[in-house]
Amino acid sequence: MSEPSQITAIKPTQRDPSRATVRVAGRVVATLPQQRIAELELEVGMPWTDTLAASVSEAAVYDKALRQAMNRLARRGRSRSELDRKLAQLGYEPNVRERVLDRLTELNFLDDDALGRALMREIQARKPAGPHLLRQKLRQKGLDRELVDRLVAETRESQDQAGDAADLLRRRLPAMARLDPATRKRRLYSLLARRGFDGDAIQSAFESLADEMNPPAD
């Protein structure tokens, strides 16, 4: 009768000493954070039972998913929904994904509210935008509808829509100076609508720039 398998070595990795490989009968069965190894109370000489193998396998899957999620967050901010979809594409089960997302939220690496605010600042910094476009862009990032509505509502309270629309008009007027008035107005209206401004803001912007849009003939 053969001897039962046991853990034969636990050694820190050369690349990252905070992680270690776990070997059973000389074969690497997992690479885990040292902290997780301590939590599992793994020791050299410990019998490698089916129960222990399952616990280590579960820990290894979670660890891999967490590291893959953090690598993607390091590249750019993502919403919880976006990251969940990516982890699903990588083949992780719902319970693993939920644990990873909860842990990243706990560590403040995942924050949909902060991401939404940052995205709105980024959009506005490039070119003024109205609430309709902001809502569309935030929803494209997978942000919850209730959160998007709240963030956009806060922006509408503080944003001078008509002033922002007028600023955008003023920037584009020189490039359209050679167009006839009707064509110029139609194209500018379309531009503001695409940037998410509502009809009242657009009309106010046109009224405030009436003299610049329709200069007196020489």
C-alpha atoms as a PDB file:
ATOM      1  CA  MET A   1       0.000   0.000   0.000  1.00  0.00           C
ATOM      2  CA  SER A   2       1.482   3.357  -1.104  1.00  0.00           C
ATOM      3  CA  GLU A   3       2.080   6.175   1.303  1.00  0.00           C
ATOM      4  CA  PRO A   4      -0.500   9.030   1.092  1.00  0.00           C
ATOM      5  CA  SER A   5       0.682  12.167  -0.737  1.00  0.00           C
ATOM      6  CA  GLN A   6       1.832  15.082   1.332  1.00  0.00           C
ATOM      7  CA  ILE A   7       3.059  18.637   0.929  1.00  0.00           C
ATOM      8  CA  THR A   8       6.770  18.320   0.207  1.00  0.00           C
ATOM      9  CA  ALA A   9       7.783  21.989  -0.142  1.00  0.00           C
ATOM     10  CA  ILE A  10       6.521  25.555   0.251  1.00  0.00           C
ATOM     11  CA  LYS A  11       8.999  27.989  -1.269  1.00  0.00           C
ATOM     12  CA  PRO A  12       8.822  31.745  -2.008  1.00  0.00           C
ATOM     13  CA  THR A  13       8.937  32.576  -5.705  1.00  0.00           C
ATOM     14  CA  GLN A  14      11.993  34.382  -7.027  1.00  0.00           C
ATOM     15  CA  ARG A  15       9.939  37.032  -8.769  1.00  0.00           C
ATOM     16  CA  ASP A  16       7.778  37.866  -5.742  1.00  0.00           C
ATOM     17  CA  PRO A  17       8.808  36.663  -2.258  1.00  0.00           C
ATOM     18  CA  SER A  18       5.335  37.504  -0.947  1.00  0.00           C
ATOM     19  CA  ARG A  19       4.089  34.529  -2.969  1.00  0.00           C
ATOM     20  CA  ALA A  20       5.115  30.883  -2.678  1.00  0.00           C
ATOM     21  CA  THR A  21       4.731  27.650  -4.593  1.00  0.00           C
ATOM     22  CA  VAL A  22       3.161  24.660  -2.908  1.00  0.00           C
ATOM     23  CA  ARG A  23       4.519  21.281  -3.990  1.00  0.00           C
ATOM     24  CA  VAL A  24       3.025  17.859  -3.430  1.00  0.00           C
ATOM     25  CA  ALA A  25       5.297  14.878  -4.124  1.00  0.00           C
ATOM     26  CA  GLY A  26       7.640  17.337  -5.819  1.00  0.00           C
ATOM     27  CA  ARG A  27       4.962  18.704  -8.170  1.00  0.00           C
ATOM     28  CA  VAL A  28       3.735  22.320  -8.019  1.00  0.00           C
ATOM     29  CA  VAL A  29       0.018  22.284  -7.225  1.00  0.00           C
ATOM     30  CA  ALA A  30      -0.477  26.018  -6.584  1.00  0.00           C
ATOM     31  CA  THR A  31       1.207  29.389  -6.262  1.00  0.00           C
ATOM     32  CA  LEU A  32      -0.417  31.542  -3.595  1.00  0.00           C
ATOM     33  CA  PRO A  33       0.220  34.635  -1.483  1.00  0.00           C
ATOM     34  CA  GLN A  34       2.123  33.781   1.669  1.00  0.00           C
ATOM     35  CA  GLN A  35      -0.737  35.246   3.688  1.00  0.00           C
ATOM     36  CA  ARG A  36      -3.221  32.860   2.097  1.00  0.00           C
ATOM     37  CA  ILE A  37      -0.905  29.925   2.739  1.00  0.00           C
ATOM     38  CA  ALA A  38      -0.811  30.911   6.414  1.00  0.00           C
ATOM     39  CA  GLU A  39      -4.606  31.222   6.520  1.00  0.00           C
ATOM     40  CA  LEU A  40      -4.939  27.721   5.109  1.00  0.00           C
ATOM     41  CA  GLU A  41      -2.355  26.576   7.679  1.00  0.00           C
ATOM     42  CA  LEU A  42      -0.373  24.750   5.004  1.00  0.00           C
ATOM     43  CA  GLU A  43       2.834  23.117   6.201  1.00  0.00           C
ATOM     44  CA  VAL A  44       5.451  20.827   4.757  1.00  0.00           C
ATOM     45  CA  GLY A  45       4.589  17.238   5.629  1.00  0.00           C
ATOM     46  CA  MET A  46       0.842  17.867   5.808  1.00  0.00           C
ATOM     47  CA  PRO A  47      -1.192  15.014   4.238  1.00  0.00           C
ATOM     48  CA  TRP A  48      -2.617  16.012   0.841  1.00  0.00           C
ATOM     49  CA  THR A  49      -6.254  15.008   1.249  1.00  0.00           C
ATOM     50  CA  ASP A  50      -9.057  15.570  -1.216  1.00  0.00           C
ATOM     51  CA  THR A  51     -10.521  18.200   1.109  1.00  0.00           C
ATOM     52  CA  LEU A  52      -7.241  20.097   1.324  1.00  0.00           C
ATOM     53  CA  ALA A  53      -6.694  19.827  -2.417  1.00  0.00           C
ATOM     54  CA  ALA A  54     -10.126  21.352  -3.035  1.00  0.00           C
ATOM     55  CA  SER A  55      -9.437  24.240  -0.616  1.00  0.00           C
ATOM     56  CA  VAL A  56      -6.086  25.016  -2.228  1.00  0.00           C
ATOM     57  CA  SER A  57      -7.568  24.798  -5.719  1.00  0.00           C
ATOM     58  CA  GLU A  58     -10.350  27.214  -4.751  1.00  0.00           C
ATOM     59  CA  ALA A  59      -7.817  29.630  -3.271  1.00  0.00           C
ATOM     60  CA  ALA A  60      -5.674  29.435  -6.411  1.00  0.00           C
ATOM     61  CA  VAL A  61      -8.616  30.174  -8.715  1.00  0.00           C
ATOM     62  CA  TYR A  62      -9.670  33.160  -6.613  1.00  0.00           C
ATOM     63  CA  ASP A  63      -6.084  34.444  -6.467  1.00  0.00           C
ATOM     64  CA  LYS A  64      -5.680  34.192 -10.242  1.00  0.00           C
ATOM     65  CA  ALA A  65      -8.991  35.966 -10.866  1.00  0.00           C
ATOM     66  CA  LEU A  66      -8.069  38.736  -8.435  1.00  0.00           C
ATOM     67  CA  ARG A  67      -4.702  39.303 -10.075  1.00  0.00           C
ATOM     68  CA  GLN A  68      -6.205  39.344 -13.566  1.00  0.00           C
ATOM     69  CA  ALA A  69      -8.843  41.845 -12.441  1.00  0.00           C
ATOM     70  CA  MET A  70      -6.247  44.116 -10.828  1.00  0.00           C
ATOM     71  CA  ASN A  71      -4.088  44.001 -13.952  1.00  0.00           C
ATOM     72  CA  ARG A  72      -7.023  45.262 -15.993  1.00  0.00           C
ATOM     73  CA  LEU A  73      -7.829  48.004 -13.500  1.00  0.00           C
ATOM     74  CA  ALA A  74      -4.194  49.113 -13.663  1.00  0.00           C
ATOM     75  CA  ARG A  75      -4.615  49.788 -17.371  1.00  0.00           C
ATOM     76  CA  ARG A  76      -7.766  51.898 -17.005  1.00  0.00           C
ATOM     77  CA  GLY A  77     -10.709  52.440 -14.727  1.00  0.00           C
ATOM     78  CA  ARG A  78     -13.589  50.014 -15.160  1.00  0.00           C
ATOM     79  CA  SER A  79     -17.049  49.733 -13.688  1.00  0.00           C
ATOM     80  CA  ARG A  80     -18.065  46.737 -11.603  1.00  0.00           C
ATOM     81  CA  SER A  81     -20.294  45.564 -14.439  1.00  0.00           C
ATOM     82  CA  GLU A  82     -17.516  45.871 -17.026  1.00  0.00           C
ATOM     83  CA  LEU A  83     -15.058  43.947 -14.899  1.00  0.00           C
ATOM     84  CA  ASP A  84     -17.637  41.274 -14.109  1.00  0.00           C
ATOM     85  CA  ARG A  85     -18.241  40.735 -17.829  1.00  0.00           C
ATOM     86  CA  LYS A  86     -14.509  40.450 -18.471  1.00  0.00           C
ATOM     87  CA  LEU A  87     -14.030  37.884 -15.715  1.00  0.00           C
ATOM     88  CA  ALA A  88     -16.975  35.921 -17.085  1.00  0.00           C
ATOM     89  CA  GLN A  89     -15.320  35.911 -20.513  1.00  0.00           C
ATOM     90  CA  LEU A  90     -12.201  34.507 -18.863  1.00  0.00           C
ATOM     91  CA  GLY A  91     -14.290  31.612 -17.582  1.00  0.00           C
ATOM     92  CA  TYR A  92     -14.712  32.410 -13.891  1.00  0.00           C
ATOM     93  CA  GLU A  93     -17.831  31.259 -12.088  1.00  0.00           C
ATOM     94  CA  PRO A  94     -20.286  33.820 -10.592  1.00  0.00           C
ATOM     95  CA  ASN A  95     -19.295  33.098  -6.980  1.00  0.00           C
ATOM     96  CA  VAL A  96     -15.594  33.704  -7.754  1.00  0.00           C
ATOM     97  CA  ARG A  97     -16.361  36.900  -9.653  1.00  0.00           C
ATOM     98  CA  GLU A  98     -18.509  38.240  -6.829  1.00  0.00           C
ATOM     99  CA  ARG A  99     -15.774  37.568  -4.243  1.00  0.00           C
ATOM    100  CA  VAL A 100     -13.190  39.313  -6.423  1.00  0.00           C
ATOM    101  CA  LEU A 101     -15.400  42.335  -7.104  1.00  0.00           C
ATOM    102  CA  ASP A 102     -16.333  42.678  -3.443  1.00  0.00           C
ATOM    103  CA  ARG A 103     -12.665  42.522  -2.447  1.00  0.00           C
ATOM    104  CA  LEU A 104     -11.664  45.157  -4.998  1.00  0.00           C
ATOM    105  CA  THR A 105     -14.495  47.383  -3.789  1.00  0.00           C
ATOM    106  CA  GLU A 106     -13.330  46.903  -0.216  1.00  0.00           C
ATOM    107  CA  LEU A 107      -9.803  47.943  -1.268  1.00  0.00           C
ATOM    108  CA  ASN A 108     -11.204  51.004  -3.113  1.00  0.00           C
ATOM    109  CA  PHE A 109      -9.824  49.768  -6.430  1.00  0.00           C
ATOM    110  CA  LEU A 110     -13.372  49.508  -7.733  1.00  0.00           C
ATOM    111  CA  ASP A 111     -15.627  52.528  -7.199  1.00  0.00           C
ATOM    112  CA  ASP A 112     -18.417  53.170  -9.707  1.00  0.00           C
ATOM    113  CA  ASP A 113     -19.293  56.542  -8.196  1.00  0.00           C
ATOM    114  CA  ALA A 114     -15.720  57.837  -8.482  1.00  0.00           C
ATOM    115  CA  LEU A 115     -15.368  56.353 -11.959  1.00  0.00           C
ATOM    116  CA  GLY A 116     -18.530  58.077 -13.137  1.00  0.00           C
ATOM    117  CA  ARG A 117     -17.387  61.461 -11.843  1.00  0.00           C
ATOM    118  CA  ALA A 118     -13.956  61.028 -13.439  1.00  0.00           C
ATOM    119  CA  LEU A 119     -15.509  60.101 -16.768  1.00  0.00           C
ATOM    120  CA  MET A 120     -17.729  63.185 -16.733  1.00  0.00           C
ATOM    121  CA  ARG A 121     -14.742  65.428 -16.000  1.00  0.00           C
ATOM    122  CA  GLU A 122     -12.809  63.797 -18.825  1.00  0.00           C
ATOM    123  CA  ILE A 123     -15.665  64.245 -21.306  1.00  0.00           C
ATOM    124  CA  GLN A 124     -16.215  67.882 -20.330  1.00  0.00           C
ATOM    125  CA  ALA A 125     -12.490  68.651 -20.462  1.00  0.00           C
ATOM    126  CA  ARG A 126     -12.322  67.603 -24.108  1.00  0.00           C
ATOM    127  CA  LYS A 127     -15.444  69.452 -25.215  1.00  0.00           C
ATOM    128  CA  PRO A 128     -18.553  70.748 -23.396  1.00  0.00           C
ATOM    129  CA  ALA A 129     -21.312  68.137 -23.224  1.00  0.00           C
ATOM    130  CA  GLY A 130     -24.927  68.142 -22.154  1.00  0.00           C
ATOM    131  CA  PRO A 131     -26.735  65.693 -19.869  1.00  0.00           C
ATOM    132  CA  HIS A 132     -27.979  63.426 -22.664  1.00  0.00           C
ATOM    133  CA  LEU A 133     -24.479  62.671 -23.914  1.00  0.00           C
ATOM    134  CA  LEU A 134     -23.117  62.291 -20.389  1.00  0.00           C
ATOM    135  CA  ARG A 135     -25.831  59.771 -19.581  1.00  0.00           C
ATOM    136  CA  GLN A 136     -25.103  57.835 -22.779  1.00  0.00           C
ATOM    137  CA  LYS A 137     -21.340  57.699 -22.122  1.00  0.00           C
ATOM    138  CA  LEU A 138     -21.764  56.582 -18.521  1.00  0.00           C
ATOM    139  CA  ARG A 139     -24.215  53.855 -19.455  1.00  0.00           C
ATOM    140  CA  GLN A 140     -21.772  52.610 -22.094  1.00  0.00           C
ATOM    141  CA  LYS A 141     -19.306  51.993 -19.276  1.00  0.00           C
ATOM    142  CA  GLY A 142     -21.777  49.680 -17.584  1.00  0.00           C
ATOM    143  CA  LEU A 143     -22.652  52.013 -14.735  1.00  0.00           C
ATOM    144  CA  ASP A 144     -25.934  51.358 -12.935  1.00  0.00           C
ATOM    145  CA  ARG A 145     -28.835  53.430 -14.273  1.00  0.00           C
ATOM    146  CA  GLU A 146     -29.734  54.775 -10.827  1.00  0.00           C
ATOM    147  CA  LEU A 147     -26.140  55.934 -10.275  1.00  0.00           C
ATOM    148  CA  VAL A 148     -25.988  57.522 -13.728  1.00  0.00           C
ATOM    149  CA  ASP A 149     -29.236  59.402 -13.146  1.00  0.00           C
ATOM    150  CA  ARG A 150     -27.956  60.718  -9.820  1.00  0.00           C
ATOM    151  CA  LEU A 151     -24.588  61.840 -11.210  1.00  0.00           C
ATOM    152  CA  VAL A 152     -26.146  63.535 -14.237  1.00  0.00           C
ATOM    153  CA  ALA A 153     -28.754  65.229 -12.047  1.00  0.00           C
ATOM    154  CA  GLU A 154     -25.982  66.626  -9.839  1.00  0.00           C
ATOM    155  CA  THR A 155     -24.195  67.911 -12.922  1.00  0.00           C
ATOM    156  CA  ARG A 156     -27.332  69.547 -14.289  1.00  0.00           C
ATOM    157  CA  GLU A 157     -27.755  71.452 -11.045  1.00  0.00           C
ATOM    158  CA  SER A 158     -24.233  72.843 -11.197  1.00  0.00           C
ATOM    159  CA  GLN A 159     -23.723  73.083 -14.964  1.00  0.00           C
ATOM    160  CA  ASP A 160     -24.543  76.179 -16.985  1.00  0.00           C
ATOM    161  CA  GLN A 161     -25.833  74.264 -19.988  1.00  0.00           C
ATOM    162  CA  ALA A 162     -26.608  77.326 -22.063  1.00  0.00           C
ATOM    163  CA  GLY A 163     -23.206  78.831 -21.268  1.00  0.00           C
ATOM    164  CA  ASP A 164     -21.374  75.620 -22.170  1.00  0.00           C
ATOM    165  CA  ALA A 165     -23.366  75.299 -25.387  1.00  0.00           C
ATOM    166  CA  ALA A 166     -22.581  78.910 -26.280  1.00  0.00           C
ATOM    167  CA  ASP A 167     -18.887  78.304 -25.593  1.00  0.00           C
ATOM    168  CA  LEU A 168     -18.897  75.354 -27.981  1.00  0.00           C
ATOM    169  CA  LEU A 169     -20.725  77.417 -30.603  1.00  0.00           C
ATOM    170  CA  ARG A 170     -18.169  80.200 -30.285  1.00  0.00           C
ATOM    171  CA  ARG A 171     -15.331  77.731 -30.870  1.00  0.00           C
ATOM    172  CA  ARG A 172     -16.893  76.343 -34.039  1.00  0.00           C
ATOM    173  CA  LEU A 173     -18.178  79.525 -35.630  1.00  0.00           C
ATOM    174  CA  PRO A 174     -14.908  80.520 -37.356  1.00  0.00           C
ATOM    175  CA  ALA A 175     -14.724  77.182 -39.187  1.00  0.00           C
ATOM    176  CA  MET A 176     -18.236  77.739 -40.568  1.00  0.00           C
ATOM    177  CA  ALA A 177     -17.926  81.409 -41.465  1.00  0.00           C
ATOM    178  CA  ARG A 178     -18.158  80.756 -45.219  1.00  0.00           C
ATOM    179  CA  LEU A 179     -21.450  78.849 -44.950  1.00  0.00           C
ATOM    180  CA  ASP A 180     -24.778  80.504 -45.564  1.00  0.00           C
ATOM    181  CA  PRO A 181     -26.691  81.336 -42.334  1.00  0.00           C
ATOM    182  CA  ALA A 182     -29.271  78.551 -42.669  1.00  0.00           C
ATOM    183  CA  THR A 183     -26.657  75.843 -43.281  1.00  0.00           C
ATOM    184  CA  ARG A 184     -24.452  77.199 -40.502  1.00  0.00           C
ATOM    185  CA  LYS A 185     -27.294  77.173 -37.990  1.00  0.00           C
ATOM    186  CA  ARG A 186     -28.399  73.690 -39.011  1.00  0.00           C
ATOM    187  CA  ARG A 187     -24.902  72.255 -38.583  1.00  0.00           C
ATOM    188  CA  LEU A 188     -24.293  74.001 -35.295  1.00  0.00           C
ATOM    189  CA  TYR A 189     -27.642  72.839 -33.955  1.00  0.00           C
ATOM    190  CA  SER A 190     -26.754  69.279 -34.959  1.00  0.00           C
ATOM    191  CA  LEU A 191     -23.376  69.603 -33.235  1.00  0.00           C
ATOM    192  CA  LEU A 192     -24.933  70.721 -29.954  1.00  0.00           C
ATOM    193  CA  ALA A 193     -27.577  67.997 -30.125  1.00  0.00           C
ATOM    194  CA  ARG A 194     -24.875  65.361 -30.634  1.00  0.00           C
ATOM    195  CA  ARG A 195     -23.046  66.751 -27.605  1.00  0.00           C
ATOM    196  CA  GLY A 196     -26.134  66.061 -25.525  1.00  0.00           C
ATOM    197  CA  PHE A 197     -27.554  69.543 -24.948  1.00  0.00           C
ATOM    198  CA  ASP A 198     -31.322  69.851 -24.683  1.00  0.00           C
ATOM    199  CA  GLY A 199     -33.451  72.114 -26.853  1.00  0.00           C
ATOM    200  CA  ASP A 200     -33.756  74.933 -24.298  1.00  0.00           C
ATOM    201  CA  ALA A 201     -29.992  75.140 -23.799  1.00  0.00           C
ATOM    202  CA  ILE A 202     -29.394  75.147 -27.553  1.00  0.00           C
ATOM    203  CA  GLN A 203     -31.942  77.895 -28.138  1.00  0.00           C
ATOM    204  CA  SER A 204     -30.463  80.019 -25.347  1.00  0.00           C
ATOM    205  CA  ALA A 205     -26.982  79.548 -26.791  1.00  0.00           C
ATOM    206  CA  PHE A 206     -28.127  80.687 -30.239  1.00  0.00           C
ATOM    207  CA  GLU A 207     -29.845  83.727 -28.757  1.00  0.00           C
ATOM    208  CA  SER A 208     -26.789  84.729 -26.751  1.00  0.00           C
ATOM    209  CA  LEU A 209     -24.598  84.563 -29.865  1.00  0.00           C
ATOM    210  CA  ALA A 210     -27.093  86.024 -32.312  1.00  0.00           C
ATOM    211  CA  ASP A 211     -24.854  88.969 -33.217  1.00  0.00           C
ATOM    212  CA  GLU A 212     -21.814  86.770 -33.778  1.00  0.00           C
ATOM    213  CA  MET A 213     -23.771  84.246 -35.846  1.00  0.00           C
ATOM    214  CA  ASN A 214     -25.411  86.898 -37.999  1.00  0.00           C
ATOM    215  CA  PRO A 215     -22.952  89.754 -38.355  1.00  0.00           C
ATOM    216  CA  PRO A 216     -24.272  92.817 -40.253  1.00  0.00           C
ATOM    217  CA  ALA A 217     -23.438  92.901 -43.942  1.00  0.00           C
ATOM    218  CA  ASP A 218     -20.692  95.291 -45.043  1.00  0.00           C
END
